[in-house]
Amino acid sequence: MKPFSLALKLTSLVFFAVASVHLLLGLGADQLLGAVVPAAALNEPSLDSQNRFYGVSFAFYGVALFICARDLERFRPILEAAFLVFFLAGCARLVSWGLRGAPAPLVMGLMGAELVLPPVLYAWLRSALRPRT
Protein backbone atom coordinates (compact mmCIF):
# COMPACT_ATOMS: atom_id res chain seq x y z
CA MET A 1 0.00 0.00 0.00
CA LYS A 2 2.90 2.36 0.59
CA PRO A 3 3.76 2.90 -3.10
CA PHE A 4 0.13 3.73 -3.88
CA SER A 5 -0.12 6.10 -0.92
CA LEU A 6 3.06 7.84 -2.01
CA ALA A 7 1.76 8.12 -5.57
CA LEU A 8 -1.43 9.76 -4.27
CA LYS A 9 0.55 12.25 -2.20
CA LEU A 10 2.74 13.14 -5.17
CA THR A 11 -0.30 13.47 -7.40
CA SER A 12 -1.85 15.82 -4.87
CA LEU A 13 1.10 18.16 -5.44
CA VAL A 14 0.21 18.32 -9.14
CA PHE A 15 -3.32 19.42 -8.27
CA PHE A 16 -1.97 22.07 -5.89
CA ALA A 17 0.32 23.34 -8.66
CA VAL A 18 -2.58 23.54 -11.15
CA ALA A 19 -4.66 25.42 -8.60
CA SER A 20 -1.81 27.85 -7.94
CA VAL A 21 -1.24 28.58 -11.62
CA HIS A 22 -4.94 29.31 -12.15
CA LEU A 23 -5.09 31.50 -9.06
CA LEU A 24 -2.09 33.53 -10.21
CA LEU A 25 -2.80 33.71 -13.95
CA GLY A 26 -6.57 33.37 -14.37
CA LEU A 27 -7.35 32.91 -18.05
CA GLY A 28 -3.63 33.26 -18.73
CA ALA A 29 -3.32 29.69 -17.46
CA ASP A 30 -5.49 28.57 -20.38
CA GLN A 31 -3.25 30.49 -22.75
CA LEU A 32 -0.31 28.47 -21.42
CA LEU A 33 -2.19 25.35 -22.50
CA GLY A 34 -2.56 26.72 -26.01
CA ALA A 35 -6.08 28.11 -25.81
CA VAL A 36 -6.78 31.13 -27.97
CA VAL A 37 -8.09 33.70 -25.50
CA PRO A 38 -8.93 37.08 -27.00
CA ALA A 39 -7.63 40.13 -25.13
CA ALA A 40 -11.20 41.22 -24.38
CA ALA A 41 -11.88 37.87 -22.69
CA LEU A 42 -8.70 38.13 -20.62
CA ASN A 43 -10.00 41.34 -19.09
CA GLU A 44 -13.62 40.26 -18.61
CA PRO A 45 -14.18 40.11 -14.84
CA SER A 46 -16.75 37.29 -14.82
CA LEU A 47 -14.65 35.00 -17.02
CA ASP A 48 -11.58 35.76 -14.96
CA SER A 49 -13.49 35.02 -11.76
CA GLN A 50 -14.91 31.76 -13.13
CA ASN A 51 -11.54 30.57 -14.40
CA ARG A 52 -9.77 31.27 -11.13
CA PHE A 53 -12.60 29.62 -9.16
CA TYR A 54 -12.64 26.44 -11.24
CA GLY A 55 -8.86 26.32 -11.38
CA VAL A 56 -8.46 26.67 -7.64
CA SER A 57 -11.18 24.06 -7.09
CA PHE A 58 -8.59 21.56 -8.37
CA ALA A 59 -6.95 21.98 -4.97
CA PHE A 60 -9.84 19.96 -3.55
CA TYR A 61 -8.58 16.92 -5.46
CA GLY A 62 -5.16 17.52 -3.96
CA VAL A 63 -6.57 17.76 -0.44
CA ALA A 64 -8.74 14.67 -0.92
CA LEU A 65 -5.92 12.56 -2.35
CA PHE A 66 -3.50 13.64 0.36
CA ILE A 67 -5.92 12.88 3.19
CA CYS A 68 -7.10 9.60 1.66
CA ALA A 69 -3.52 8.43 1.16
CA ARG A 70 -3.14 8.21 4.95
CA ASP A 71 -5.83 5.51 5.34
CA LEU A 72 -6.78 3.85 2.06
CA GLU A 73 -9.25 1.37 3.52
CA ARG A 74 -11.16 3.99 5.48
CA PHE A 75 -11.28 6.51 2.63
CA ARG A 76 -11.75 4.06 -0.24
CA PRO A 77 -15.28 5.32 -1.12
CA ILE A 78 -14.02 8.90 -1.31
CA LEU A 79 -11.10 7.89 -3.53
CA GLU A 80 -13.36 5.89 -5.82
CA ALA A 81 -15.73 8.85 -6.09
CA ALA A 82 -12.85 11.23 -6.83
CA PHE A 83 -11.54 8.91 -9.55
CA LEU A 84 -15.02 8.64 -11.08
CA VAL A 85 -15.62 12.40 -11.08
CA PHE A 86 -12.20 13.07 -12.59
CA PHE A 87 -12.87 10.46 -15.30
CA LEU A 88 -16.27 12.02 -16.04
CA ALA A 89 -14.59 15.43 -16.32
CA GLY A 90 -12.38 13.93 -19.01
CA CYS A 91 -15.52 12.64 -20.73
CA ALA A 92 -16.91 16.19 -20.62
CA ARG A 93 -13.88 17.25 -22.67
CA LEU A 94 -14.96 14.70 -25.28
CA VAL A 95 -18.38 16.36 -25.41
CA SER A 96 -16.71 19.73 -25.96
CA TRP A 97 -14.49 18.25 -28.68
CA GLY A 98 -17.56 16.85 -30.43
CA LEU A 99 -19.46 20.13 -30.21
CA ARG A 100 -16.69 22.69 -30.77
CA GLY A 101 -13.78 20.84 -32.35
CA ALA A 102 -10.38 19.65 -31.21
CA PRO A 103 -8.74 21.57 -28.37
CA ALA A 104 -5.09 22.59 -28.23
CA PRO A 105 -2.60 19.68 -28.12
CA LEU A 106 -1.75 20.19 -24.43
CA VAL A 107 -5.45 20.11 -23.56
CA MET A 108 -5.79 16.88 -25.53
CA GLY A 109 -2.97 15.50 -23.41
CA LEU A 110 -4.81 16.49 -20.26
CA MET A 111 -7.93 14.80 -21.58
CA GLY A 112 -5.95 11.64 -22.24
CA ALA A 113 -4.64 11.69 -18.67
CA GLU A 114 -8.13 12.29 -17.31
CA LEU A 115 -9.48 9.31 -19.22
CA VAL A 116 -6.59 6.93 -18.50
CA LEU A 117 -5.33 7.74 -15.01
CA PRO A 118 -8.56 7.31 -13.03
CA PRO A 119 -9.15 3.70 -14.19
CA VAL A 120 -5.46 2.91 -13.63
CA LEU A 121 -5.54 4.41 -10.13
CA TYR A 122 -8.80 2.60 -9.38
CA ALA A 123 -7.27 -0.74 -10.40
CA TRP A 124 -4.15 0.03 -8.38
CA LEU A 125 -6.28 0.89 -5.35
CA ARG A 126 -8.15 -2.41 -5.63
CA SER A 127 -4.87 -4.25 -5.91
CA ALA A 128 -3.36 -2.38 -2.95
CA LEU A 129 -6.35 -3.25 -0.77
CA ARG A 130 -6.63 -6.87 -1.89
CA PRO A 131 -5.93 -9.22 1.00
CA ARG A 132 -2.58 -10.95 0.62
CA THR A 133 -2.56 -14.71 1.11
C-alpha atoms as a PDB file:
ATOM      1  CA  MET A   1       0.000   0.000   0.000  1.00  0.00           C
ATOM      2  CA  LYS A   2       2.902   2.364   0.594  1.00  0.00           C
ATOM      3  CA  PRO A   3       3.759   2.899  -3.101  1.00  0.00           C
ATOM      4  CA  PHE A   4       0.131   3.728  -3.881  1.00  0.00           C
ATOM      5  CA  SER A   5      -0.125   6.101  -0.916  1.00  0.00           C
ATOM      6  CA  LEU A   6       3.062   7.836  -2.010  1.00  0.00           C
ATOM      7  CA  ALA A   7       1.756   8.115  -5.571  1.00  0.00           C
ATOM      8  CA  LEU A   8      -1.431   9.760  -4.273  1.00  0.00           C
ATOM      9  CA  LYS A   9       0.549  12.250  -2.199  1.00  0.00           C
ATOM     10  CA  LEU A  10       2.743  13.137  -5.172  1.00  0.00           C
ATOM     11  CA  THR A  11      -0.304  13.465  -7.404  1.00  0.00           C
ATOM     12  CA  SER A  12      -1.848  15.821  -4.869  1.00  0.00           C
ATOM     13  CA  LEU A  13       1.099  18.162  -5.435  1.00  0.00           C
ATOM     14  CA  VAL A  14       0.210  18.320  -9.143  1.00  0.00           C
ATOM     15  CA  PHE A  15      -3.318  19.423  -8.273  1.00  0.00           C
ATOM     16  CA  PHE A  16      -1.973  22.073  -5.894  1.00  0.00           C
ATOM     17  CA  ALA A  17       0.319  23.343  -8.664  1.00  0.00           C
ATOM     18  CA  VAL A  18      -2.577  23.538 -11.148  1.00  0.00           C
ATOM     19  CA  ALA A  19      -4.664  25.423  -8.600  1.00  0.00           C
ATOM     20  CA  SER A  20      -1.814  27.855  -7.936  1.00  0.00           C
ATOM     21  CA  VAL A  21      -1.244  28.581 -11.622  1.00  0.00           C
ATOM     22  CA  HIS A  22      -4.940  29.308 -12.152  1.00  0.00           C
ATOM     23  CA  LEU A  23      -5.089  31.499  -9.059  1.00  0.00           C
ATOM     24  CA  LEU A  24      -2.085  33.533 -10.213  1.00  0.00           C
ATOM     25  CA  LEU A  25      -2.803  33.709 -13.951  1.00  0.00           C
ATOM     26  CA  GLY A  26      -6.567  33.367 -14.369  1.00  0.00           C
ATOM     27  CA  LEU A  27      -7.354  32.914 -18.048  1.00  0.00           C
ATOM     28  CA  GLY A  28      -3.634  33.260 -18.730  1.00  0.00           C
ATOM     29  CA  ALA A  29      -3.322  29.685 -17.461  1.00  0.00           C
ATOM     30  CA  ASP A  30      -5.492  28.573 -20.378  1.00  0.00           C
ATOM     31  CA  GLN A  31      -3.250  30.489 -22.749  1.00  0.00           C
ATOM     32  CA  LEU A  32      -0.311  28.472 -21.421  1.00  0.00           C
ATOM     33  CA  LEU A  33      -2.190  25.353 -22.498  1.00  0.00           C
ATOM     34  CA  GLY A  34      -2.557  26.715 -26.010  1.00  0.00           C
ATOM     35  CA  ALA A  35      -6.083  28.105 -25.806  1.00  0.00           C
ATOM     36  CA  VAL A  36      -6.779  31.127 -27.966  1.00  0.00           C
ATOM     37  CA  VAL A  37      -8.093  33.697 -25.500  1.00  0.00           C
ATOM     38  CA  PRO A  38      -8.932  37.081 -26.999  1.00  0.00           C
ATOM     39  CA  ALA A  39      -7.630  40.126 -25.131  1.00  0.00           C
ATOM     40  CA  ALA A  40     -11.200  41.225 -24.378  1.00  0.00           C
ATOM     41  CA  ALA A  41     -11.881  37.874 -22.692  1.00  0.00           C
ATOM     42  CA  LEU A  42      -8.703  38.128 -20.620  1.00  0.00           C
ATOM     43  CA  ASN A  43      -9.997  41.339 -19.086  1.00  0.00           C
ATOM     44  CA  GLU A  44     -13.622  40.264 -18.613  1.00  0.00           C
ATOM     45  CA  PRO A  45     -14.184  40.110 -14.840  1.00  0.00           C
ATOM     46  CA  SER A  46     -16.754  37.293 -14.822  1.00  0.00           C
ATOM     47  CA  LEU A  47     -14.650  35.002 -17.018  1.00  0.00           C
ATOM     48  CA  ASP A  48     -11.577  35.760 -14.961  1.00  0.00           C
ATOM     49  CA  SER A  49     -13.486  35.018 -11.764  1.00  0.00           C
ATOM     50  CA  GLN A  50     -14.911  31.758 -13.130  1.00  0.00           C
ATOM     51  CA  ASN A  51     -11.544  30.566 -14.401  1.00  0.00           C
ATOM     52  CA  ARG A  52      -9.768  31.271 -11.128  1.00  0.00           C
ATOM     53  CA  PHE A  53     -12.601  29.623  -9.164  1.00  0.00           C
ATOM     54  CA  TYR A  54     -12.640  26.439 -11.243  1.00  0.00           C
ATOM     55  CA  GLY A  55      -8.864  26.325 -11.378  1.00  0.00           C
ATOM     56  CA  VAL A  56      -8.459  26.672  -7.640  1.00  0.00           C
ATOM     57  CA  SER A  57     -11.180  24.064  -7.089  1.00  0.00           C
ATOM     58  CA  PHE A  58      -8.588  21.560  -8.369  1.00  0.00           C
ATOM     59  CA  ALA A  59      -6.953  21.984  -4.975  1.00  0.00           C
ATOM     60  CA  PHE A  60      -9.835  19.956  -3.549  1.00  0.00           C
ATOM     61  CA  TYR A  61      -8.577  16.917  -5.458  1.00  0.00           C
ATOM     62  CA  GLY A  62      -5.162  17.515  -3.957  1.00  0.00           C
ATOM     63  CA  VAL A  63      -6.571  17.762  -0.442  1.00  0.00           C
ATOM     64  CA  ALA A  64      -8.742  14.670  -0.924  1.00  0.00           C
ATOM     65  CA  LEU A  65      -5.917  12.563  -2.346  1.00  0.00           C
ATOM     66  CA  PHE A  66      -3.501  13.637   0.361  1.00  0.00           C
ATOM     67  CA  ILE A  67      -5.924  12.880   3.188  1.00  0.00           C
ATOM     68  CA  CYS A  68      -7.102   9.601   1.656  1.00  0.00           C
ATOM     69  CA  ALA A  69      -3.516   8.434   1.161  1.00  0.00           C
ATOM     70  CA  ARG A  70      -3.144   8.212   4.948  1.00  0.00           C
ATOM     71  CA  ASP A  71      -5.833   5.509   5.340  1.00  0.00           C
ATOM     72  CA  LEU A  72      -6.778   3.846   2.058  1.00  0.00           C
ATOM     73  CA  GLU A  73      -9.253   1.369   3.518  1.00  0.00           C
ATOM     74  CA  ARG A  74     -11.158   3.990   5.480  1.00  0.00           C
ATOM     75  CA  PHE A  75     -11.280   6.506   2.631  1.00  0.00           C
ATOM     76  CA  ARG A  76     -11.746   4.059  -0.235  1.00  0.00           C
ATOM     77  CA  PRO A  77     -15.276   5.316  -1.119  1.00  0.00           C
ATOM     78  CA  ILE A  78     -14.016   8.896  -1.312  1.00  0.00           C
ATOM     79  CA  LEU A  79     -11.095   7.886  -3.533  1.00  0.00           C
ATOM     80  CA  GLU A  80     -13.360   5.888  -5.816  1.00  0.00           C
ATOM     81  CA  ALA A  81     -15.733   8.853  -6.091  1.00  0.00           C
ATOM     82  CA  ALA A  82     -12.845  11.229  -6.831  1.00  0.00           C
ATOM     83  CA  PHE A  83     -11.536   8.906  -9.549  1.00  0.00           C
ATOM     84  CA  LEU A  84     -15.016   8.640 -11.082  1.00  0.00           C
ATOM     85  CA  VAL A  85     -15.620  12.399 -11.077  1.00  0.00           C
ATOM     86  CA  PHE A  86     -12.203  13.065 -12.593  1.00  0.00           C
ATOM     87  CA  PHE A  87     -12.866  10.462 -15.299  1.00  0.00           C
ATOM     88  CA  LEU A  88     -16.270  12.021 -16.042  1.00  0.00           C
ATOM     89  CA  ALA A  89     -14.593  15.429 -16.318  1.00  0.00           C
ATOM     90  CA  GLY A  90     -12.377  13.929 -19.010  1.00  0.00           C
ATOM     91  CA  CYS A  91     -15.524  12.637 -20.730  1.00  0.00           C
ATOM     92  CA  ALA A  92     -16.907  16.190 -20.618  1.00  0.00           C
ATOM     93  CA  ARG A  93     -13.884  17.246 -22.671  1.00  0.00           C
ATOM     94  CA  LEU A  94     -14.960  14.696 -25.276  1.00  0.00           C
ATOM     95  CA  VAL A  95     -18.379  16.361 -25.405  1.00  0.00           C
ATOM     96  CA  SER A  96     -16.711  19.728 -25.958  1.00  0.00           C
ATOM     97  CA  TRP A  97     -14.492  18.251 -28.675  1.00  0.00           C
ATOM     98  CA  GLY A  98     -17.560  16.854 -30.428  1.00  0.00           C
ATOM     99  CA  LEU A  99     -19.459  20.130 -30.212  1.00  0.00           C
ATOM    100  CA  ARG A 100     -16.692  22.687 -30.773  1.00  0.00           C
ATOM    101  CA  GLY A 101     -13.776  20.836 -32.346  1.00  0.00           C
ATOM    102  CA  ALA A 102     -10.381  19.649 -31.211  1.00  0.00           C
ATOM    103  CA  PRO A 103      -8.742  21.566 -28.369  1.00  0.00           C
ATOM    104  CA  ALA A 104      -5.091  22.587 -28.231  1.00  0.00           C
ATOM    105  CA  PRO A 105      -2.601  19.675 -28.120  1.00  0.00           C
ATOM    106  CA  LEU A 106      -1.752  20.187 -24.433  1.00  0.00           C
ATOM    107  CA  VAL A 107      -5.450  20.111 -23.555  1.00  0.00           C
ATOM    108  CA  MET A 108      -5.789  16.882 -25.534  1.00  0.00           C
ATOM    109  CA  GLY A 109      -2.967  15.501 -23.412  1.00  0.00           C
ATOM    110  CA  LEU A 110      -4.815  16.489 -20.262  1.00  0.00           C
ATOM    111  CA  MET A 111      -7.930  14.801 -21.576  1.00  0.00           C
ATOM    112  CA  GLY A 112      -5.952  11.639 -22.239  1.00  0.00           C
ATOM    113  CA  ALA A 113      -4.636  11.687 -18.674  1.00  0.00           C
ATOM    114  CA  GLU A 114      -8.133  12.290 -17.307  1.00  0.00           C
ATOM    115  CA  LEU A 115      -9.482   9.310 -19.223  1.00  0.00           C
ATOM    116  CA  VAL A 116      -6.595   6.928 -18.504  1.00  0.00           C
ATOM    117  CA  LEU A 117      -5.325   7.743 -15.014  1.00  0.00           C
ATOM    118  CA  PRO A 118      -8.564   7.306 -13.029  1.00  0.00           C
ATOM    119  CA  PRO A 119      -9.152   3.701 -14.194  1.00  0.00           C
ATOM    120  CA  VAL A 120      -5.463   2.914 -13.625  1.00  0.00           C
ATOM    121  CA  LEU A 121      -5.545   4.413 -10.127  1.00  0.00           C
ATOM    122  CA  TYR A 122      -8.799   2.601  -9.383  1.00  0.00           C
ATOM    123  CA  ALA A 123      -7.274  -0.740 -10.395  1.00  0.00           C
ATOM    124  CA  TRP A 124      -4.145   0.029  -8.377  1.00  0.00           C
ATOM    125  CA  LEU A 125      -6.284   0.893  -5.347  1.00  0.00           C
ATOM    126  CA  ARG A 126      -8.154  -2.407  -5.632  1.00  0.00           C
ATOM    127  CA  SER A 127      -4.872  -4.249  -5.908  1.00  0.00           C
ATOM    128  CA  ALA A 128      -3.360  -2.379  -2.949  1.00  0.00           C
ATOM    129  CA  LEU A 129      -6.346  -3.247  -0.768  1.00  0.00           C
ATOM    130  CA  ARG A 130      -6.632  -6.870  -1.886  1.00  0.00           C
ATOM    131  CA  PRO A 131      -5.933  -9.222   1.004  1.00  0.00           C
ATOM    132  CA  ARG A 132      -2.579 -10.948   0.619  1.00  0.00           C
ATOM    133  CA  THR A 133      -2.557 -14.708   1.113  1.00  0.00           C
END
